[in-house]
N, C-alpha and C. Protein backbone atom coordinates (compact mmCIF):
# COMPACT_ATOMS: atom_id res chain seq x y z
N MET A 1 -170.58 103.32 119.93
CA MET A 1 -170.66 103.61 118.52
C MET A 1 -170.22 102.37 117.74
N PRO A 2 -171.01 101.94 116.78
CA PRO A 2 -170.65 100.76 116.00
C PRO A 2 -169.36 100.97 115.20
N THR A 3 -168.63 99.89 115.01
CA THR A 3 -167.42 99.90 114.22
C THR A 3 -167.57 98.91 113.07
N ALA A 4 -167.21 99.31 111.87
CA ALA A 4 -167.30 98.43 110.70
C ALA A 4 -166.17 97.40 110.76
N VAL A 5 -166.50 96.16 110.42
CA VAL A 5 -165.53 95.07 110.38
C VAL A 5 -165.75 94.31 109.08
N THR A 6 -164.69 94.01 108.38
CA THR A 6 -164.78 93.23 107.15
C THR A 6 -164.59 91.76 107.50
N VAL A 7 -165.50 90.91 107.02
CA VAL A 7 -165.42 89.48 107.26
C VAL A 7 -165.39 88.78 105.91
N LEU A 8 -164.40 87.93 105.70
CA LEU A 8 -164.29 87.18 104.45
C LEU A 8 -164.83 85.78 104.67
N LEU A 9 -165.82 85.40 103.89
CA LEU A 9 -166.44 84.08 104.02
C LEU A 9 -166.19 83.27 102.75
N GLU A 10 -165.98 81.99 102.94
CA GLU A 10 -165.89 81.07 101.80
C GLU A 10 -167.30 80.92 101.21
N ASP A 11 -167.37 80.40 99.99
CA ASP A 11 -168.67 80.24 99.33
C ASP A 11 -169.63 79.39 100.16
N ALA A 12 -169.14 78.31 100.75
CA ALA A 12 -169.99 77.43 101.55
C ALA A 12 -170.52 78.15 102.79
N GLU A 13 -169.68 78.97 103.43
CA GLU A 13 -170.11 79.72 104.61
C GLU A 13 -171.15 80.76 104.23
N LEU A 14 -170.94 81.43 103.11
CA LEU A 14 -171.88 82.44 102.66
C LEU A 14 -173.22 81.80 102.30
N ALA A 15 -173.18 80.65 101.67
CA ALA A 15 -174.41 79.94 101.34
C ALA A 15 -175.16 79.54 102.61
N ALA A 16 -174.42 79.07 103.62
CA ALA A 16 -175.05 78.70 104.89
C ALA A 16 -175.67 79.93 105.56
N LEU A 17 -174.98 81.04 105.50
CA LEU A 17 -175.51 82.27 106.07
C LEU A 17 -176.80 82.68 105.36
N ASP A 18 -176.77 82.60 104.03
CA ASP A 18 -177.96 82.96 103.26
C ASP A 18 -179.13 82.01 103.55
N ARG A 19 -178.85 80.72 103.73
CA ARG A 19 -179.91 79.77 104.09
C ARG A 19 -180.48 80.11 105.46
N TYR A 20 -179.61 80.45 106.41
CA TYR A 20 -180.06 80.83 107.75
C TYR A 20 -180.95 82.07 107.69
N ILE A 21 -180.53 83.05 106.93
CA ILE A 21 -181.32 84.29 106.80
C ILE A 21 -182.68 83.97 106.20
N ALA A 22 -182.71 83.17 105.14
CA ALA A 22 -183.97 82.84 104.49
C ALA A 22 -184.90 82.09 105.43
N ALA A 23 -184.35 81.19 106.26
CA ALA A 23 -185.17 80.37 107.14
C ALA A 23 -185.54 81.05 108.45
N CYS A 24 -184.62 81.83 109.01
CA CYS A 24 -184.81 82.33 110.37
C CYS A 24 -184.88 83.85 110.50
N ARG A 25 -184.32 84.59 109.57
CA ARG A 25 -184.26 86.04 109.69
C ARG A 25 -184.62 86.72 108.36
N PRO A 26 -185.73 86.30 107.72
CA PRO A 26 -186.06 86.88 106.41
C PRO A 26 -186.18 88.40 106.49
N GLY A 27 -185.69 89.06 105.46
CA GLY A 27 -185.74 90.51 105.41
C GLY A 27 -184.57 91.21 106.07
N HIS A 28 -183.72 90.45 106.76
CA HIS A 28 -182.56 91.05 107.41
C HIS A 28 -181.35 90.96 106.49
N SER A 29 -180.47 91.93 106.58
CA SER A 29 -179.26 91.94 105.75
C SER A 29 -178.22 90.98 106.33
N ARG A 30 -177.29 90.59 105.48
CA ARG A 30 -176.17 89.77 105.94
C ARG A 30 -175.42 90.49 107.06
N GLU A 31 -175.22 91.79 106.88
CA GLU A 31 -174.48 92.56 107.88
C GLU A 31 -175.17 92.52 109.24
N ARG A 32 -176.48 92.71 109.23
CA ARG A 32 -177.21 92.73 110.50
C ARG A 32 -177.17 91.36 111.18
N VAL A 33 -177.35 90.31 110.38
CA VAL A 33 -177.34 88.96 110.95
C VAL A 33 -175.95 88.61 111.48
N MET A 34 -174.90 88.97 110.75
CA MET A 34 -173.55 88.70 111.25
C MET A 34 -173.29 89.47 112.55
N ALA A 35 -173.79 90.69 112.65
CA ALA A 35 -173.63 91.46 113.89
C ALA A 35 -174.38 90.78 115.03
N GLU A 36 -175.58 90.26 114.77
CA GLU A 36 -176.33 89.53 115.81
C GLU A 36 -175.59 88.28 116.25
N ILE A 37 -175.03 87.55 115.28
CA ILE A 37 -174.28 86.33 115.60
C ILE A 37 -173.07 86.68 116.48
N ALA A 38 -172.35 87.73 116.11
CA ALA A 38 -171.18 88.15 116.90
C ALA A 38 -171.59 88.58 118.30
N ARG A 39 -172.70 89.32 118.40
CA ARG A 39 -173.17 89.77 119.73
C ARG A 39 -173.53 88.58 120.60
N ARG A 40 -174.28 87.62 120.04
CA ARG A 40 -174.67 86.44 120.82
C ARG A 40 -173.45 85.65 121.26
N TRP A 41 -172.47 85.51 120.36
CA TRP A 41 -171.25 84.79 120.72
C TRP A 41 -170.53 85.51 121.86
N ALA A 42 -170.39 86.83 121.75
CA ALA A 42 -169.67 87.60 122.77
C ALA A 42 -170.38 87.51 124.12
N GLU A 43 -171.70 87.55 124.10
CA GLU A 43 -172.46 87.46 125.36
C GLU A 43 -172.32 86.09 126.01
N ALA A 44 -172.05 85.05 125.22
CA ALA A 44 -171.93 83.70 125.76
C ALA A 44 -170.54 83.40 126.32
N GLN A 45 -169.59 84.29 126.12
CA GLN A 45 -168.22 84.07 126.59
C GLN A 45 -168.14 84.28 128.10
N PRO A 46 -167.32 83.46 128.78
CA PRO A 46 -167.15 83.63 130.23
C PRO A 46 -166.66 85.04 130.55
N GLY A 47 -167.23 85.62 131.58
CA GLY A 47 -166.82 86.95 132.01
C GLY A 47 -167.46 88.08 131.22
N SER A 48 -168.40 87.75 130.33
CA SER A 48 -169.00 88.80 129.50
C SER A 48 -170.15 89.51 130.21
N GLU A 49 -170.61 88.95 131.31
CA GLU A 49 -171.72 89.59 132.02
C GLU A 49 -171.21 90.87 132.71
N ALA A 50 -172.08 91.82 132.79
CA ALA A 50 -171.72 93.10 133.41
C ALA A 50 -171.46 92.88 134.89
N PRO A 51 -170.44 93.54 135.43
CA PRO A 51 -170.18 93.39 136.87
C PRO A 51 -171.32 93.98 137.69
N ALA A 52 -171.54 93.39 138.84
CA ALA A 52 -172.58 93.90 139.73
C ALA A 52 -172.18 95.30 140.22
N PRO A 53 -173.14 96.20 140.30
CA PRO A 53 -172.80 97.55 140.76
C PRO A 53 -172.37 97.53 142.23
N ASP A 54 -171.44 98.41 142.57
CA ASP A 54 -171.00 98.53 143.95
C ASP A 54 -172.04 99.33 144.70
N GLU A 55 -172.72 98.68 145.59
CA GLU A 55 -173.81 99.34 146.32
C GLU A 55 -173.35 99.97 147.62
N GLY A 56 -172.09 99.82 147.95
CA GLY A 56 -171.59 100.43 149.18
C GLY A 56 -172.08 99.70 150.42
N LEU A 57 -171.98 100.37 151.56
CA LEU A 57 -172.40 99.77 152.83
C LEU A 57 -173.87 100.04 153.09
N ARG A 58 -174.49 99.10 153.74
CA ARG A 58 -175.88 99.28 154.16
C ARG A 58 -175.89 100.16 155.41
N PRO A 59 -176.99 100.85 155.66
CA PRO A 59 -177.04 101.75 156.81
C PRO A 59 -176.65 101.08 158.13
N ASP A 60 -177.04 99.82 158.33
CA ASP A 60 -176.71 99.16 159.60
C ASP A 60 -175.23 98.77 159.69
N GLU A 61 -174.48 98.90 158.56
CA GLU A 61 -173.06 98.61 158.58
C GLU A 61 -172.21 99.87 158.80
N LEU A 62 -172.84 101.02 158.80
CA LEU A 62 -172.12 102.27 158.97
C LEU A 62 -171.83 102.53 160.44
N ASN A 63 -170.61 102.99 160.70
CA ASN A 63 -170.23 103.39 162.06
C ASN A 63 -169.04 104.34 161.94
N ALA A 64 -168.54 104.80 163.04
CA ALA A 64 -167.44 105.78 163.00
C ALA A 64 -166.16 105.20 162.42
N SER A 65 -165.98 103.87 162.48
CA SER A 65 -164.73 103.28 161.97
C SER A 65 -164.64 103.32 160.45
N ASN A 66 -165.78 103.45 159.75
CA ASN A 66 -165.68 103.51 158.30
C ASN A 66 -165.96 104.90 157.75
N ASP A 67 -165.85 105.93 158.60
CA ASP A 67 -165.90 107.31 158.12
C ASP A 67 -164.56 107.66 157.48
N SER A 68 -164.61 108.37 156.38
CA SER A 68 -163.33 108.77 155.79
C SER A 68 -163.29 110.21 155.39
């Protein structure tokens, strides 16, 4: 579920955001673009990838010693 976050930008930052929206994301709101920027940043952080699923043992690895 999305959570609202308030972000305070200086005039220069807001102007840069508006230029980016006009050039690259026309028709998108500031809120949506800021959310996309935050998502991309979070995905680029080390350890942000989803862990590999635990697939358990393969059939040829099963034997009586690993019965529980």
